[in-house]
Amino acid sequence: MTKLLQPLRIVRYSAANALADFRASYTWYSWTFGWLGRMLAQVTFFALLGRLTGSDAQVRFLVIGNAVMTCAVEAMNVIATSTRERRSGTLALLAAAPADFGWVFLGRSLEWPISGAATSLVSLFALGPLLGVSWTAAQVPVVALLVLLASFTTYSVGLFLSVLVIGAPGVRNIVSNTAYLSMMAICGVQVPVGFWPSWLQAVAAVLPLTHALAAVRAVAAGESAASVTLAASAAAVCGAGWLLAAMTAFRFMARRGRGRGAFEFSA
């Protein structure tokens, strides 16, 4: 029982560090009028582009896609946050501890999917109606759960990518930006996934955001519970796969780094 609870304890302590990190980065004022304002402006920008087409359906497509996309943008901050351990010189201390690297880093950046989900929910439920996307009372809790699913499963993708850049922290922003811009392009945010060639559709199919967004669109369109559940399940499976890959990669990095003494400070 103790062994089963140990990972949860590690994540909890690491998440406390994430919360402190978030508080040091934002005040309620800077988050609301800085970050949230920026994301709402981005959603509004794409919605106004949709209005140029003269199609209300296109506006709805872009509002929902870009509102859900905001949680993915924020979740990708895990890539930059994870490299801070090496930049601050604490990675070697973590390597000396008996805790599993994967659990430590899983909790290390949990502030981002939580904050990202909040951003998406404000975009959908506060800004959405102003742009022509309304929700029924029954749809609100379902969409909220799907946004949380999108945020945390996409976080798993970022967690895996963070393993790749810990050894090269100088490219953290390049990898982060490339990751979320690629998802914005191919996951059904701006155009339907079917717009792309089959090989890009295959890439989109392994990204959880594709399926989570499809589930939100299914709710908005009033489709059956089976359609929503199928898309949400696909997102959960993809997210679990990326999380497993991330945990495996962290363990490999830990063994390799401890064996070579490769956890020195790096700017």
Foldseek 3Di string as FASTA:
>chain_A
DVVVCVLVVLLVVLLVLQVVVVVVVDDPVCCVCPVLVVLLVVLVVLLVVQVVVVDLVLSLLQLLLSLLLQLLLQLLCLLLQLLVCQQVFNVVVVLVDPDQQLSNSLNNNVVRNVSSLVSSLCSCDVVVVVSPQHDDPVLNVVLSVLSSLLNLLSNLLSLQVSLVCSLPSVCSVVVSVVVSVLCCPQLSNNHRNVVDPPVSSVVNQLALNSLSSQLSVCSSVVHDPVSNVVSSVSSVVSSVVSNVSSSVSSNVCSVVCVVVVPSHHDD
